[in-house]
């Protein structure tokens, strides 16, 4: 029974990590293309540059959240304290990254709310 549960948990963690990878890869590609379009096009405004960054940051937060979920699933099946310690360190790092990204997103969002000229497209996200 334990082997069966370990196999399922490993598969679930792998599937969640694949979701996180897909989210991060697609959002990075979109951010790259958006930034390249701004660089190669007419002079980009600060609002347009922030929109590209903000969209990407929001998706990074989503990707980190999925990675943390995969870490939690893996920690449920980690048989040794050494593996649990490594998973805890990784989870802590990802949690801090997530916290600071979310804080930056909140600051930019608050700045946009104070600026009435801000385009509506900047307020989108996951």
N, C-alpha and C. Protein backbone atom coordinates (compact mmCIF):
# COMPACT_ATOMS: atom_id res chain seq x y z
N UNK A 1 0.81 -1.19 0.00
CA UNK A 1 0.00 0.00 0.00
C UNK A 1 0.86 1.26 0.00
N UNK A 2 1.94 1.26 0.80
CA UNK A 2 2.82 2.42 0.88
C UNK A 2 3.50 2.69 -0.47
N UNK A 3 3.94 1.63 -1.13
CA UNK A 3 4.58 1.78 -2.43
C UNK A 3 3.60 2.37 -3.44
N UNK A 4 2.37 1.93 -3.40
CA UNK A 4 1.33 2.42 -4.30
C UNK A 4 1.08 3.91 -4.05
N UNK A 5 0.98 4.30 -2.77
CA UNK A 5 0.77 5.71 -2.41
C UNK A 5 1.97 6.56 -2.83
N UNK A 6 3.17 6.05 -2.66
CA UNK A 6 4.38 6.77 -3.06
C UNK A 6 4.40 6.98 -4.58
N UNK A 7 4.00 5.97 -5.32
CA UNK A 7 3.97 6.09 -6.78
C UNK A 7 2.96 7.14 -7.23
N UNK A 8 1.79 7.15 -6.63
CA UNK A 8 0.77 8.13 -6.99
C UNK A 8 1.24 9.54 -6.63
N UNK A 9 1.80 9.71 -5.44
CA UNK A 9 2.27 11.03 -5.01
C UNK A 9 3.39 11.53 -5.93
N UNK A 10 4.28 10.65 -6.34
CA UNK A 10 5.35 11.05 -7.26
C UNK A 10 4.78 11.50 -8.59
N UNK A 11 3.80 10.78 -9.10
CA UNK A 11 3.16 11.16 -10.36
C UNK A 11 2.43 12.50 -10.23
N UNK A 12 1.71 12.69 -9.13
CA UNK A 12 0.99 13.95 -8.91
C UNK A 12 1.97 15.11 -8.81
N UNK A 13 3.05 14.94 -8.07
CA UNK A 13 4.06 16.00 -7.94
C UNK A 13 4.68 16.32 -9.29
N UNK A 14 4.97 15.30 -10.08
CA UNK A 14 5.54 15.50 -11.41
C UNK A 14 4.57 16.26 -12.31
N UNK A 15 3.29 15.91 -12.24
CA UNK A 15 2.27 16.59 -13.05
C UNK A 15 2.15 18.06 -12.65
N UNK A 16 2.18 18.34 -11.35
CA UNK A 16 2.09 19.72 -10.87
C UNK A 16 3.33 20.51 -11.29
N UNK A 17 4.51 19.89 -11.22
CA UNK A 17 5.73 20.55 -11.67
C UNK A 17 5.68 20.84 -13.17
N UNK A 18 5.09 19.94 -13.94
CA UNK A 18 4.93 20.18 -15.38
C UNK A 18 4.02 21.38 -15.63
N UNK A 19 2.95 21.50 -14.84
CA UNK A 19 2.07 22.66 -14.95
C UNK A 19 2.83 23.96 -14.65
N UNK A 20 3.62 23.93 -13.59
CA UNK A 20 4.41 25.11 -13.23
C UNK A 20 5.39 25.47 -14.34
N UNK A 21 6.04 24.46 -14.90
CA UNK A 21 6.99 24.69 -15.99
C UNK A 21 6.29 25.32 -17.19
N UNK A 22 5.13 24.80 -17.52
CA UNK A 22 4.38 25.35 -18.65
C UNK A 22 3.97 26.80 -18.39
N UNK A 23 3.48 27.08 -17.21
CA UNK A 23 3.08 28.46 -16.86
C UNK A 23 4.27 29.40 -16.97
N UNK A 24 5.39 29.02 -16.40
CA UNK A 24 6.57 29.89 -16.40
C UNK A 24 7.15 30.04 -17.80
N UNK A 25 7.21 28.96 -18.56
CA UNK A 25 7.76 29.03 -19.92
C UNK A 25 6.89 29.89 -20.83
N UNK A 26 5.58 29.68 -20.80
CA UNK A 26 4.69 30.46 -21.67
C UNK A 26 4.71 31.94 -21.27
N UNK A 27 4.65 32.22 -19.97
CA UNK A 27 4.65 33.63 -19.55
C UNK A 27 5.98 34.31 -19.86
N UNK A 28 7.08 33.57 -19.75
CA UNK A 28 8.38 34.15 -20.08
C UNK A 28 8.48 34.45 -21.57
N UNK A 29 7.97 33.56 -22.39
CA UNK A 29 7.95 33.80 -23.83
C UNK A 29 7.08 35.00 -24.16
N UNK A 30 5.91 35.08 -23.53
CA UNK A 30 5.02 36.22 -23.78
C UNK A 30 5.67 37.53 -23.32
N UNK A 31 6.35 37.51 -22.18
CA UNK A 31 7.03 38.71 -21.68
C UNK A 31 8.17 39.10 -22.62
N UNK A 32 8.92 38.11 -23.10
CA UNK A 32 10.00 38.39 -24.03
C UNK A 32 9.47 39.02 -25.31
N UNK A 33 8.42 38.42 -25.87
CA UNK A 33 7.84 38.95 -27.11
C UNK A 33 7.25 40.34 -26.89
N UNK A 34 6.59 40.54 -25.75
CA UNK A 34 6.04 41.86 -25.44
C UNK A 34 7.14 42.90 -25.27
N UNK A 35 8.21 42.54 -24.59
CA UNK A 35 9.34 43.47 -24.42
C UNK A 35 10.03 43.76 -25.74
N UNK A 36 10.21 42.73 -26.56
CA UNK A 36 10.85 42.92 -27.86
C UNK A 36 10.00 43.82 -28.75
N UNK A 37 8.68 43.62 -28.70
CA UNK A 37 7.77 44.45 -29.49
C UNK A 37 7.87 45.91 -29.06
N UNK A 38 7.98 46.14 -27.75
CA UNK A 38 8.12 47.51 -27.25
C UNK A 38 9.46 48.12 -27.66
N UNK A 39 10.53 47.32 -27.61
CA UNK A 39 11.85 47.83 -27.96
C UNK A 39 11.96 48.14 -29.45
N UNK A 40 11.36 47.31 -30.27
CA UNK A 40 11.49 47.47 -31.71
C UNK A 40 10.45 48.43 -32.30
N UNK A 41 9.40 48.66 -31.57
CA UNK A 41 8.33 49.53 -32.06
C UNK A 41 8.61 50.99 -31.72
N UNK A 42 7.55 51.73 -31.73
CA UNK A 42 7.67 53.15 -31.39
C UNK A 42 8.10 53.28 -29.93
N UNK A 43 8.37 54.47 -29.50
CA UNK A 43 8.83 54.69 -28.13
C UNK A 43 7.78 54.19 -27.14
N UNK A 44 8.18 53.26 -26.31
CA UNK A 44 7.25 52.66 -25.34
C UNK A 44 7.06 53.59 -24.16
N UNK A 45 5.83 53.63 -23.68
CA UNK A 45 5.56 54.42 -22.48
C UNK A 45 5.89 53.59 -21.25
N UNK A 46 6.02 54.26 -20.15
CA UNK A 46 6.29 53.58 -18.88
C UNK A 46 5.14 52.63 -18.53
N UNK A 47 3.92 53.02 -18.86
CA UNK A 47 2.75 52.18 -18.59
C UNK A 47 2.82 50.88 -19.38
N UNK A 48 3.24 50.95 -20.63
CA UNK A 48 3.33 49.74 -21.45
C UNK A 48 4.42 48.81 -20.92
N UNK A 49 5.54 49.37 -20.52
CA UNK A 49 6.62 48.56 -19.96
C UNK A 49 6.18 47.89 -18.67
N UNK A 50 5.49 48.66 -17.81
CA UNK A 50 4.99 48.09 -16.56
C UNK A 50 3.97 47.00 -16.81
N UNK A 51 3.16 47.16 -17.85
CA UNK A 51 2.13 46.15 -18.16
C UNK A 51 2.76 44.82 -18.49
N UNK A 52 3.84 44.85 -19.28
CA UNK A 52 4.53 43.61 -19.64
C UNK A 52 5.11 42.97 -18.39
N UNK A 53 5.79 43.76 -17.56
CA UNK A 53 6.40 43.23 -16.34
C UNK A 53 5.34 42.71 -15.38
N UNK A 54 4.27 43.45 -15.19
CA UNK A 54 3.24 43.07 -14.23
C UNK A 54 2.55 41.77 -14.64
N UNK A 55 2.23 41.63 -15.92
CA UNK A 55 1.61 40.40 -16.39
C UNK A 55 2.55 39.21 -16.14
N UNK A 56 3.82 39.39 -16.45
CA UNK A 56 4.79 38.31 -16.25
C UNK A 56 4.95 37.99 -14.76
N UNK A 57 5.04 39.00 -13.93
CA UNK A 57 5.19 38.78 -12.48
C UNK A 57 4.01 38.02 -11.91
N UNK A 58 2.81 38.34 -12.35
CA UNK A 58 1.62 37.64 -11.85
C UNK A 58 1.66 36.16 -12.23
N UNK A 59 2.08 35.86 -13.44
CA UNK A 59 2.17 34.46 -13.86
C UNK A 59 3.31 33.74 -13.15
N UNK A 60 4.40 34.47 -12.84
CA UNK A 60 5.49 33.85 -12.07
C UNK A 60 5.00 33.46 -10.68
N UNK A 61 4.19 34.32 -10.07
CA UNK A 61 3.62 34.00 -8.77
C UNK A 61 2.78 32.72 -8.88
N UNK A 62 2.00 32.62 -9.94
CA UNK A 62 1.19 31.41 -10.14
C UNK A 62 2.09 30.19 -10.31
N UNK A 63 3.15 30.31 -11.10
CA UNK A 63 4.08 29.19 -11.30
C UNK A 63 4.77 28.78 -10.01
N UNK A 64 5.20 29.76 -9.21
CA UNK A 64 5.83 29.44 -7.93
C UNK A 64 4.86 28.76 -6.98
N UNK A 65 3.61 29.15 -7.04
CA UNK A 65 2.60 28.52 -6.20
C UNK A 65 2.42 27.06 -6.58
N UNK A 66 2.42 26.77 -7.88
CA UNK A 66 2.34 25.37 -8.33
C UNK A 66 3.58 24.59 -7.90
N UNK A 67 4.75 25.20 -8.00
CA UNK A 67 5.97 24.51 -7.58
C UNK A 67 5.94 24.21 -6.08
N UNK A 68 5.44 25.15 -5.31
CA UNK A 68 5.34 24.92 -3.87
C UNK A 68 4.36 23.78 -3.58
N UNK A 69 3.27 23.71 -4.35
CA UNK A 69 2.32 22.61 -4.18
C UNK A 69 3.00 21.27 -4.48
N UNK A 70 3.82 21.23 -5.51
CA UNK A 70 4.54 19.99 -5.83
C UNK A 70 5.51 19.63 -4.70
N UNK A 71 6.16 20.63 -4.12
CA UNK A 71 7.06 20.37 -2.99
C UNK A 71 6.29 19.78 -1.80
N UNK A 72 5.10 20.30 -1.55
CA UNK A 72 4.30 19.78 -0.44
C UNK A 72 3.89 18.33 -0.68
N UNK A 73 3.53 18.00 -1.91
CA UNK A 73 3.17 16.61 -2.23
C UNK A 73 4.40 15.72 -2.05
N UNK A 74 5.54 16.17 -2.51
CA UNK A 74 6.77 15.37 -2.36
C UNK A 74 7.14 15.19 -0.89
N UNK A 75 6.90 16.22 -0.07
CA UNK A 75 7.27 16.12 1.35
C UNK A 75 6.39 15.09 2.07
N UNK A 76 5.23 14.83 1.53
CA UNK A 76 4.35 13.82 2.15
C UNK A 76 4.91 12.42 1.97
N UNK A 77 5.80 12.23 1.00
CA UNK A 77 6.35 10.89 0.75
C UNK A 77 7.85 10.81 1.01
N UNK A 78 8.47 11.89 1.49
CA UNK A 78 9.91 11.90 1.73
C UNK A 78 10.24 11.00 2.92
N UNK A 79 11.04 9.96 2.71
CA UNK A 79 11.28 8.99 3.78
C UNK A 79 12.36 9.39 4.79
N UNK A 80 13.23 10.35 4.48
CA UNK A 80 14.31 10.66 5.41
C UNK A 80 14.24 12.12 5.83
N UNK A 81 14.85 12.41 6.97
CA UNK A 81 14.89 13.79 7.46
C UNK A 81 15.72 14.66 6.55
N UNK A 82 16.75 14.09 5.93
CA UNK A 82 17.59 14.86 5.01
C UNK A 82 16.77 15.35 3.81
N UNK A 83 15.95 14.47 3.25
CA UNK A 83 15.11 14.87 2.12
C UNK A 83 14.05 15.88 2.54
N UNK A 84 13.49 15.69 3.73
CA UNK A 84 12.50 16.65 4.24
C UNK A 84 13.16 18.01 4.45
N UNK A 85 14.39 18.01 4.96
CA UNK A 85 15.12 19.27 5.16
C UNK A 85 15.38 19.99 3.85
N UNK A 86 15.79 19.24 2.83
CA UNK A 86 16.02 19.85 1.51
C UNK A 86 14.73 20.42 0.94
N UNK A 87 13.65 19.67 1.06
CA UNK A 87 12.36 20.15 0.57
C UNK A 87 11.90 21.39 1.34
N UNK A 88 12.16 21.41 2.65
CA UNK A 88 11.79 22.58 3.45
C UNK A 88 12.59 23.81 3.01
N UNK A 89 13.87 23.63 2.73
CA UNK A 89 14.69 24.76 2.27
C UNK A 89 14.19 25.29 0.93
N UNK A 90 13.88 24.38 0.01
CA UNK A 90 13.36 24.78 -1.30
C UNK A 90 12.02 25.49 -1.14
N UNK A 91 11.14 24.94 -0.30
CA UNK A 91 9.83 25.56 -0.08
C UNK A 91 9.99 26.95 0.53
N UNK A 92 10.92 27.10 1.46
CA UNK A 92 11.16 28.40 2.09
C UNK A 92 11.64 29.43 1.06
N UNK A 93 12.57 29.03 0.23
CA UNK A 93 13.08 29.94 -0.81
C UNK A 93 11.95 30.35 -1.75
N UNK A 94 11.16 29.37 -2.20
CA UNK A 94 10.06 29.67 -3.13
C UNK A 94 9.00 30.53 -2.46
N UNK A 95 8.77 30.31 -1.18
CA UNK A 95 7.79 31.13 -0.46
C UNK A 95 8.26 32.57 -0.37
N UNK A 96 9.54 32.78 -0.07
CA UNK A 96 10.07 34.15 -0.02
C UNK A 96 10.02 34.81 -1.40
N UNK A 97 10.38 34.08 -2.45
CA UNK A 97 10.27 34.64 -3.80
C UNK A 97 8.84 35.04 -4.11
N UNK A 98 7.92 34.17 -3.77
CA UNK A 98 6.51 34.43 -4.00
C UNK A 98 6.05 35.66 -3.22
N UNK A 99 6.47 35.77 -1.97
CA UNK A 99 6.09 36.91 -1.14
C UNK A 99 6.56 38.23 -1.76
N UNK A 100 7.83 38.28 -2.14
CA UNK A 100 8.36 39.53 -2.68
C UNK A 100 7.77 39.86 -4.06
N UNK A 101 7.52 38.84 -4.88
CA UNK A 101 6.85 39.10 -6.16
C UNK A 101 5.45 39.64 -5.93
N UNK A 102 4.70 39.03 -5.02
CA UNK A 102 3.35 39.51 -4.74
C UNK A 102 3.37 40.93 -4.19
N UNK A 103 4.35 41.24 -3.34
CA UNK A 103 4.46 42.59 -2.80
C UNK A 103 4.74 43.60 -3.91
N UNK A 104 5.64 43.27 -4.83
CA UNK A 104 5.93 44.15 -5.96
C UNK A 104 4.71 44.35 -6.84
N UNK A 105 3.98 43.26 -7.08
CA UNK A 105 2.77 43.36 -7.90
C UNK A 105 1.76 44.27 -7.21
N UNK A 106 1.59 44.13 -5.90
CA UNK A 106 0.65 44.97 -5.16
C UNK A 106 1.06 46.45 -5.22
N UNK A 107 2.36 46.72 -5.12
CA UNK A 107 2.83 48.11 -5.20
C UNK A 107 2.56 48.72 -6.57
N UNK A 108 2.83 47.96 -7.62
CA UNK A 108 2.59 48.47 -8.97
C UNK A 108 1.09 48.64 -9.21
N UNK A 109 0.30 47.71 -8.71
CA UNK A 109 -1.16 47.82 -8.86
C UNK A 109 -1.68 49.06 -8.13
N UNK A 110 -1.18 49.32 -6.94
CA UNK A 110 -1.60 50.51 -6.20
C UNK A 110 -1.18 51.78 -6.94
N UNK A 111 0.00 51.76 -7.52
CA UNK A 111 0.46 52.91 -8.30
C UNK A 111 -0.44 53.15 -9.50
N UNK A 112 -0.86 52.08 -10.14
CA UNK A 112 -1.74 52.19 -11.30
C UNK A 112 -3.10 52.74 -10.90
N UNK A 113 -3.60 52.36 -9.74
CA UNK A 113 -4.91 52.85 -9.29
C UNK A 113 -4.86 54.35 -9.03
N UNK A 114 -3.71 54.86 -8.61
CA UNK A 114 -3.57 56.30 -8.35
C UNK A 114 -3.43 57.10 -9.64
N UNK A 115 -3.04 56.43 -10.73
CA UNK A 115 -2.82 57.11 -12.00
C UNK A 115 -4.05 56.92 -12.89
N UNK A 116 -4.90 57.94 -13.04
CA UNK A 116 -6.13 57.79 -13.83
C UNK A 116 -5.87 57.58 -15.31
N UNK A 117 -4.68 57.88 -15.79
CA UNK A 117 -4.37 57.71 -17.22
C UNK A 117 -3.92 56.29 -17.54
N UNK A 118 -3.88 55.44 -16.53
CA UNK A 118 -3.41 54.07 -16.70
C UNK A 118 -4.37 53.28 -17.59
N UNK A 119 -3.87 52.61 -18.63
CA UNK A 119 -4.74 51.80 -19.48
C UNK A 119 -5.34 50.63 -18.71
N UNK A 120 -6.54 50.24 -19.04
CA UNK A 120 -7.25 49.14 -18.39
C UNK A 120 -6.53 47.82 -18.55
N UNK A 121 -5.76 47.62 -19.63
CA UNK A 121 -5.08 46.33 -19.88
C UNK A 121 -4.05 46.01 -18.82
N UNK A 122 -3.60 46.99 -18.06
CA UNK A 122 -2.58 46.72 -17.05
C UNK A 122 -3.16 46.02 -15.83
N UNK A 123 -4.45 46.02 -15.70
CA UNK A 123 -5.05 45.45 -14.51
C UNK A 123 -5.38 43.97 -14.69
N UNK A 124 -5.02 43.35 -15.80
CA UNK A 124 -5.31 41.94 -16.06
C UNK A 124 -4.31 41.04 -15.37
N UNK A 125 -4.53 39.73 -15.44
CA UNK A 125 -3.60 38.79 -14.85
C UNK A 125 -4.23 37.43 -14.68
N UNK A 126 -3.55 36.51 -14.00
CA UNK A 126 -4.09 35.16 -13.85
C UNK A 126 -5.26 35.12 -12.91
